[in-house]
Amino acid sequence: MSIDVRELAARIAAGMDRAVVDSQRTTFALEVALLARGHVLIEGVPGTGKTLAVRTLATLLGIEFRRIQFTPDMMPADVVGTTVFNPKTAEFSTRLGPIVANVVLADEINRTPPKTQAALLEAMEEGSVTIDGIAHRLPSPFLLCATQNPIEYEGTYPLPEAQLDRFMVKVDASYPAETRELQLLERVAAGFDSRDLEASGIAPVTNAAEVIEAQRAIRAVHLSASVREYTYRIVAGTRAHPRLTLGGSPRAGIALLLASQAAAAIEGREFATPDDVKDVAFCVLPHRLIVAPDAEIEGISAADVLREILANVPVPREA
């Protein structure tokens, strides 16, 4: 690889750690999605640093960032944009929406109705938005980071399976460990202000050109036949498991493979291994799976089923 992806990832991780405590899992998921040209869904109760993590990443990347605060009355045009009539010139002009940026934070995405949630699909899948029949390309790199509160809270609209499947990775923002939360309080007492990241020493460590170069380098990471087959066996196992009513789609297998390439590059390797596949499996697959009602009553989660599948699928000896 012409660019040192491992060194770039380390720079980003160091910056994230200065702003977000106990951020290793979230940072890894964000880096994998960024490098593999995917998107991220972060779920957690309020106050666990979901928004801060995305804002910090955008600051470290030094690229354009926009935030969309989703509400029940938001319309699709509020996201993608619309055409506006100018009475002075008697002409229509296009006003692009906040989705047109490098890093977009779709904050509390499950607070808005499905019609508006669906406005993100074209941007996520094709990297463009269509306004009055005209397609507008999104800037590169493009990363959509959505946050949501757990669906058992009132006033939410659970994301449909088709949209969940378009998020390459999902990560849970949980409460930090005791030592890390005490560290957070110590930072605040010392003057850290999450509303002013620049004053807190968070500055760009890269730029759009370097990120794009890293994304290209990721695709050069070697994927052997055994790794490809191992990936397929895992995804196929989710389709045949009796505890699941919906398994992973072919898109899930592609996402797992691409995420494995990113994970390998973050570790400084030019080839992916079965361990890379396992490392990313728990952030790539569970949100795409639907647990059977009887298993759900027993308290079995999608992650539990995936853990069983990984234990049963033979790991190839050579990558």
Protein backbone atom coordinates (compact mmCIF):
# COMPACT_ATOMS: atom_id res chain seq x y z
CA MET A 1 0.00 0.00 0.00
CA SER A 2 1.38 3.39 -0.96
CA ILE A 3 -0.21 5.02 2.08
CA ASP A 4 0.31 3.84 5.63
CA VAL A 5 -3.30 3.15 6.61
CA ARG A 6 -2.26 1.86 10.02
CA GLU A 7 -0.51 5.13 10.84
CA LEU A 8 -3.51 7.15 9.62
CA ALA A 9 -5.88 5.06 11.73
CA ALA A 10 -3.62 5.51 14.75
CA ARG A 11 -3.71 9.30 14.31
CA ILE A 12 -7.49 9.27 14.17
CA ALA A 13 -7.78 6.93 17.16
CA ALA A 14 -5.47 9.10 19.26
CA GLY A 15 -7.55 12.16 18.50
CA MET A 16 -10.79 10.35 19.28
CA ASP A 17 -9.43 9.19 22.62
CA ARG A 18 -8.68 12.78 23.61
CA ALA A 19 -12.34 13.73 23.27
CA VAL A 20 -14.39 10.56 23.82
CA VAL A 21 -13.68 8.26 26.75
CA ASP A 22 -13.86 4.50 26.30
CA SER A 23 -14.14 5.05 22.56
CA GLN A 24 -12.19 2.08 21.18
CA ARG A 25 -15.19 0.16 19.82
CA THR A 26 -16.87 3.23 18.38
CA THR A 27 -13.63 4.50 16.87
CA PHE A 28 -12.92 1.12 15.26
CA ALA A 29 -16.42 1.00 13.75
CA LEU A 30 -16.13 4.56 12.44
CA GLU A 31 -12.69 3.89 10.92
CA VAL A 32 -13.84 0.65 9.27
CA ALA A 33 -16.87 2.34 7.72
CA LEU A 34 -14.88 5.37 6.60
CA LEU A 35 -12.13 3.35 4.96
CA ALA A 36 -14.49 0.79 3.40
CA ARG A 37 -16.87 3.50 2.11
CA GLY A 38 -19.70 2.33 4.34
CA HIS A 39 -21.99 4.00 6.86
CA VAL A 40 -22.41 3.74 10.63
CA LEU A 41 -25.36 3.38 12.98
CA ILE A 42 -24.61 4.22 16.61
CA GLU A 43 -27.21 3.20 19.17
CA GLY A 44 -27.33 4.15 22.80
CA VAL A 45 -29.21 5.99 25.50
CA PRO A 46 -28.85 9.78 25.63
CA GLY A 47 -25.60 11.15 26.98
CA THR A 48 -23.23 8.36 25.97
CA GLY A 49 -21.20 10.42 23.50
CA LYS A 50 -22.74 9.35 20.19
CA THR A 51 -22.93 12.84 18.70
CA LEU A 52 -19.59 13.84 20.19
CA ALA A 53 -17.87 10.86 18.56
CA VAL A 54 -19.07 11.84 15.08
CA ARG A 55 -18.29 15.53 15.56
CA THR A 56 -14.81 14.64 16.76
CA LEU A 57 -14.19 12.37 13.77
CA ALA A 58 -15.26 15.08 11.34
CA THR A 59 -12.96 17.59 13.03
CA LEU A 60 -10.03 15.16 12.87
CA LEU A 61 -10.65 14.48 9.19
CA GLY A 62 -10.69 18.19 8.37
CA ILE A 63 -13.61 17.84 5.95
CA GLU A 64 -17.07 19.35 5.68
CA PHE A 65 -19.47 18.28 8.41
CA ARG A 66 -23.21 18.80 8.72
CA ARG A 67 -25.68 17.68 11.31
CA ILE A 68 -29.34 16.86 10.68
CA GLN A 69 -31.46 16.79 13.81
CA PHE A 70 -34.33 14.48 12.94
CA THR A 71 -37.78 15.31 14.30
CA PRO A 72 -41.28 13.88 13.73
CA ASP A 73 -42.30 16.78 11.45
CA MET A 74 -39.25 16.67 9.16
CA MET A 75 -39.88 16.17 5.43
CA PRO A 76 -37.63 14.51 2.80
CA ALA A 77 -36.91 17.89 1.17
CA ASP A 78 -35.46 19.06 4.50
CA VAL A 79 -32.80 16.38 4.04
CA VAL A 80 -31.98 16.20 0.33
CA GLY A 81 -32.95 19.72 -0.77
CA THR A 82 -35.53 21.26 -3.08
CA THR A 83 -36.03 23.71 -5.93
CA VAL A 84 -36.81 27.31 -5.06
CA PHE A 85 -38.56 29.87 -7.28
CA ASN A 86 -36.96 33.32 -7.46
CA PRO A 87 -39.69 35.90 -8.26
CA LYS A 88 -37.10 38.49 -9.27
CA THR A 89 -35.60 36.36 -12.03
CA ALA A 90 -38.67 34.18 -12.60
CA GLU A 91 -36.37 31.14 -12.47
CA PHE A 92 -36.07 28.04 -10.34
CA SER A 93 -32.83 27.22 -8.57
CA THR A 94 -31.75 24.14 -6.64
CA ARG A 95 -31.11 24.42 -2.94
CA LEU A 96 -29.14 21.39 -1.81
CA GLY A 97 -29.99 19.93 1.58
CA PRO A 98 -27.69 19.19 4.53
CA ILE A 99 -27.07 15.65 3.25
CA VAL A 100 -24.60 17.17 0.77
CA ALA A 101 -21.44 17.12 2.87
CA ASN A 102 -18.49 14.81 3.55
CA VAL A 103 -19.53 13.68 7.02
CA VAL A 104 -23.23 13.84 7.84
CA LEU A 105 -24.64 13.18 11.29
CA ALA A 106 -28.23 11.94 11.11
CA ASP A 107 -28.97 12.56 14.76
CA GLU A 108 -31.77 10.53 16.33
CA ILE A 109 -32.74 9.04 12.99
CA ASN A 110 -35.50 6.98 14.61
CA ARG A 111 -37.31 10.16 15.70
CA THR A 112 -38.48 10.88 12.14
CA PRO A 113 -41.14 9.00 10.11
CA PRO A 114 -40.18 6.29 7.56
CA LYS A 115 -40.86 8.60 4.61
CA THR A 116 -38.09 10.93 5.72
CA GLN A 117 -35.80 8.08 6.78
CA ALA A 118 -36.11 6.73 3.23
CA ALA A 119 -34.78 10.01 1.85
CA LEU A 120 -31.33 8.80 2.93
CA LEU A 121 -31.39 5.57 0.92
CA GLU A 122 -30.16 6.97 -2.39
CA ALA A 123 -27.37 8.89 -0.69
CA MET A 124 -26.25 5.80 1.21
CA GLU A 125 -26.39 3.39 -1.70
CA GLU A 126 -25.50 5.50 -4.74
CA GLY A 127 -23.69 8.54 -3.32
CA SER A 128 -26.15 10.96 -4.88
CA VAL A 129 -29.48 12.70 -4.29
CA THR A 130 -32.20 13.38 -6.84
CA ILE A 131 -34.10 16.66 -6.77
CA ASP A 132 -36.88 17.15 -9.34
CA GLY A 133 -35.47 14.38 -11.50
CA ILE A 134 -31.89 15.69 -11.51
CA ALA A 135 -29.18 13.69 -9.76
CA HIS A 136 -26.56 15.51 -7.72
CA ARG A 137 -23.37 13.68 -6.74
CA LEU A 138 -22.31 13.84 -3.11
CA PRO A 139 -18.77 14.92 -2.26
CA SER A 140 -16.03 12.37 -1.72
CA PRO A 141 -15.38 11.00 0.79
CA PHE A 142 -18.94 10.62 2.05
CA LEU A 143 -19.79 9.08 5.42
CA LEU A 144 -23.25 8.98 6.96
CA CYS A 145 -23.30 8.45 10.70
CA ALA A 146 -26.74 7.93 12.21
CA THR A 147 -27.55 7.83 15.90
CA GLN A 148 -30.62 6.40 17.54
CA ASN A 149 -32.00 5.75 20.98
CA PRO A 150 -33.21 2.23 21.81
CA ILE A 151 -36.57 1.52 20.22
CA GLU A 152 -38.33 0.84 23.51
CA TYR A 153 -38.42 4.60 24.12
CA GLU A 154 -41.64 6.39 23.15
CA GLY A 155 -41.96 8.53 20.03
CA THR A 156 -39.62 6.52 17.80
CA TYR A 157 -39.94 4.88 14.38
CA PRO A 158 -37.82 1.71 14.13
CA LEU A 159 -35.71 1.60 11.00
CA PRO A 160 -36.97 -0.91 8.40
CA GLU A 161 -34.81 -3.89 7.50
CA ALA A 162 -33.99 -2.45 4.06
CA GLN A 163 -32.44 0.61 5.65
CA LEU A 164 -30.65 -1.26 8.42
CA ASP A 165 -29.06 -3.43 5.73
CA ARG A 166 -27.48 -0.33 4.19
CA PHE A 167 -25.51 0.49 7.32
CA MET A 168 -22.22 -1.33 6.98
CA VAL A 169 -21.63 -1.35 10.72
CA LYS A 170 -23.61 -0.77 13.89
CA VAL A 171 -22.07 -0.11 17.28
CA ASP A 172 -23.63 0.26 20.71
CA ALA A 173 -22.60 3.28 22.78
CA SER A 174 -22.79 1.95 26.31
CA TYR A 175 -21.90 3.48 29.63
CA PRO A 176 -18.13 3.75 30.10
CA ALA A 177 -16.23 1.70 32.65
CA GLU A 178 -15.80 3.26 36.07
CA THR A 179 -12.19 4.29 35.55
CA ARG A 180 -12.97 5.85 32.17
CA GLU A 181 -15.98 7.78 33.47
CA LEU A 182 -13.89 9.11 36.33
CA GLN A 183 -11.36 10.16 33.70
CA LEU A 184 -14.14 11.99 31.87
CA LEU A 185 -15.08 13.91 35.02
CA GLU A 186 -11.41 14.74 35.52
CA ARG A 187 -11.19 16.13 31.99
CA VAL A 188 -14.26 18.30 32.51
CA ALA A 189 -12.87 19.58 35.80
CA ALA A 190 -9.66 20.48 33.96
CA GLY A 191 -11.57 22.58 31.44
CA PHE A 192 -12.55 20.20 28.61
CA ASP A 193 -15.60 21.54 26.74
CA SER A 194 -17.25 19.18 24.25
CA ARG A 195 -18.98 22.17 22.62
CA ASP A 196 -15.61 23.66 21.61
CA LEU A 197 -13.42 20.85 20.33
CA GLU A 198 -10.87 23.20 18.78
CA ALA A 199 -10.24 24.91 22.11
CA SER A 200 -9.83 21.47 23.64
CA GLY A 201 -6.97 20.62 21.29
CA ILE A 202 -8.90 18.58 18.70
CA ALA A 203 -7.50 19.55 15.29
CA PRO A 204 -7.40 17.93 11.83
CA VAL A 205 -4.90 15.08 11.49
CA THR A 206 -5.62 14.35 7.81
CA ASN A 207 -7.57 15.66 4.81
CA ALA A 208 -9.98 14.52 2.12
CA ALA A 209 -7.24 13.59 -0.36
CA GLU A 210 -5.47 11.31 2.14
CA VAL A 211 -8.73 9.66 3.16
CA ILE A 212 -9.59 8.94 -0.49
CA GLU A 213 -6.10 7.50 -1.03
CA ALA A 214 -6.58 5.28 2.02
CA GLN A 215 -9.96 4.11 0.70
CA ARG A 216 -8.32 3.09 -2.56
CA ALA A 217 -5.56 1.29 -0.69
CA ILE A 218 -8.13 -0.73 1.26
CA ARG A 219 -9.41 -2.34 -1.93
CA ALA A 220 -5.90 -3.61 -2.64
CA VAL A 221 -5.88 -5.72 0.54
CA HIS A 222 -5.70 -9.34 -0.59
CA LEU A 223 -8.74 -11.55 -0.02
CA SER A 224 -7.85 -15.21 -0.49
CA ALA A 225 -10.32 -17.82 -1.67
CA SER A 226 -10.42 -19.34 1.83
CA VAL A 227 -11.29 -16.00 3.43
CA ARG A 228 -13.99 -15.39 0.85
CA GLU A 229 -15.49 -18.83 1.44
CA TYR A 230 -15.25 -18.38 5.23
CA THR A 231 -17.18 -15.12 4.88
CA TYR A 232 -19.85 -16.81 2.80
CA ARG A 233 -20.21 -19.74 5.25
CA ILE A 234 -20.85 -17.33 8.11
CA VAL A 235 -23.49 -15.37 6.22
CA ALA A 236 -25.10 -18.55 4.87
CA GLY A 237 -25.19 -19.88 8.42
CA THR A 238 -27.41 -16.98 9.46
CA ARG A 239 -29.91 -17.89 6.72
CA ALA A 240 -30.24 -21.50 7.84
CA HIS A 241 -30.25 -20.98 11.61
CA PRO A 242 -33.57 -21.99 13.24
CA ARG A 243 -33.34 -19.15 15.76
CA LEU A 244 -33.45 -16.52 13.01
CA THR A 245 -36.35 -15.50 10.78
CA LEU A 246 -34.10 -13.29 8.64
CA GLY A 247 -30.46 -13.96 7.86
CA GLY A 248 -27.77 -11.93 6.18
CA SER A 249 -28.26 -10.80 2.58
CA PRO A 250 -25.61 -10.87 -0.16
CA ARG A 251 -25.06 -7.20 0.72
CA ALA A 252 -24.22 -8.37 4.25
CA GLY A 253 -21.56 -10.71 2.86
CA ILE A 254 -20.06 -7.91 0.77
CA ALA A 255 -20.05 -5.59 3.79
CA LEU A 256 -18.36 -8.26 5.91
CA LEU A 257 -15.67 -8.78 3.28
CA LEU A 258 -15.01 -5.06 2.75
CA ALA A 259 -14.93 -4.42 6.49
CA SER A 260 -12.40 -7.24 6.83
CA GLN A 261 -10.16 -5.50 4.31
CA ALA A 262 -10.36 -2.29 6.35
CA ALA A 263 -9.64 -4.14 9.60
CA ALA A 264 -6.57 -5.78 8.05
CA ALA A 265 -5.23 -2.45 6.78
CA ILE A 266 -5.78 -0.82 10.18
CA GLU A 267 -3.55 -3.57 11.58
CA GLY A 268 -0.95 -2.80 8.91
CA ARG A 269 -1.42 -5.93 6.81
CA GLU A 270 -1.87 -6.26 3.06
CA PHE A 271 -4.00 -9.39 3.36
CA ALA A 272 -7.14 -10.21 5.31
CA THR A 273 -7.39 -13.22 7.63
CA PRO A 274 -10.28 -15.17 9.17
CA ASP A 275 -9.56 -13.29 12.39
CA ASP A 276 -10.29 -10.02 10.59
CA VAL A 277 -13.63 -11.45 9.50
CA LYS A 278 -14.44 -12.43 13.08
CA ASP A 279 -13.26 -9.06 14.42
CA VAL A 280 -15.78 -7.14 12.30
CA ALA A 281 -18.60 -9.71 12.31
CA PHE A 282 -20.24 -8.39 15.47
CA CYS A 283 -20.54 -4.86 14.14
CA VAL A 284 -21.49 -5.88 10.58
CA LEU A 285 -24.06 -8.67 11.00
CA PRO A 286 -26.29 -8.57 14.13
CA HIS A 287 -28.32 -5.50 13.12
CA ARG A 288 -29.22 -7.23 9.84
CA LEU A 289 -30.61 -10.33 11.55
CA ILE A 290 -34.09 -10.89 12.99
CA VAL A 291 -34.40 -13.28 15.90
CA ALA A 292 -37.34 -15.68 15.90
CA PRO A 293 -40.10 -14.69 18.37
CA ASP A 294 -39.70 -17.81 20.54
CA ALA A 295 -35.94 -17.27 20.79
CA GLU A 296 -36.46 -13.61 21.61
CA ILE A 297 -38.78 -14.57 24.46
CA GLU A 298 -35.98 -16.74 25.82
CA GLY A 299 -33.70 -13.69 25.82
CA ILE A 300 -31.57 -14.83 22.90
CA SER A 301 -30.11 -11.97 20.84
CA ALA A 302 -28.79 -11.80 17.29
CA ALA A 303 -25.28 -11.52 18.73
CA ASP A 304 -25.83 -14.76 20.68
CA VAL A 305 -26.83 -16.57 17.49
CA LEU A 306 -23.86 -15.13 15.60
CA ARG A 307 -21.55 -16.26 18.36
CA GLU A 308 -22.89 -19.80 17.94
CA ILE A 309 -22.48 -19.66 14.16
CA LEU A 310 -18.87 -18.48 14.45
CA ALA A 311 -18.16 -21.34 16.84
CA ASN A 312 -19.54 -23.88 14.37
CA VAL A 313 -18.14 -22.63 11.06
CA PRO A 314 -14.68 -24.18 10.50
CA VAL A 315 -11.90 -21.62 10.39
CA PRO A 316 -9.58 -22.10 7.39
CA ARG A 317 -6.00 -22.78 8.38
CA GLU A 318 -4.53 -20.67 5.58
CA ALA A 319 -5.75 -17.20 4.52
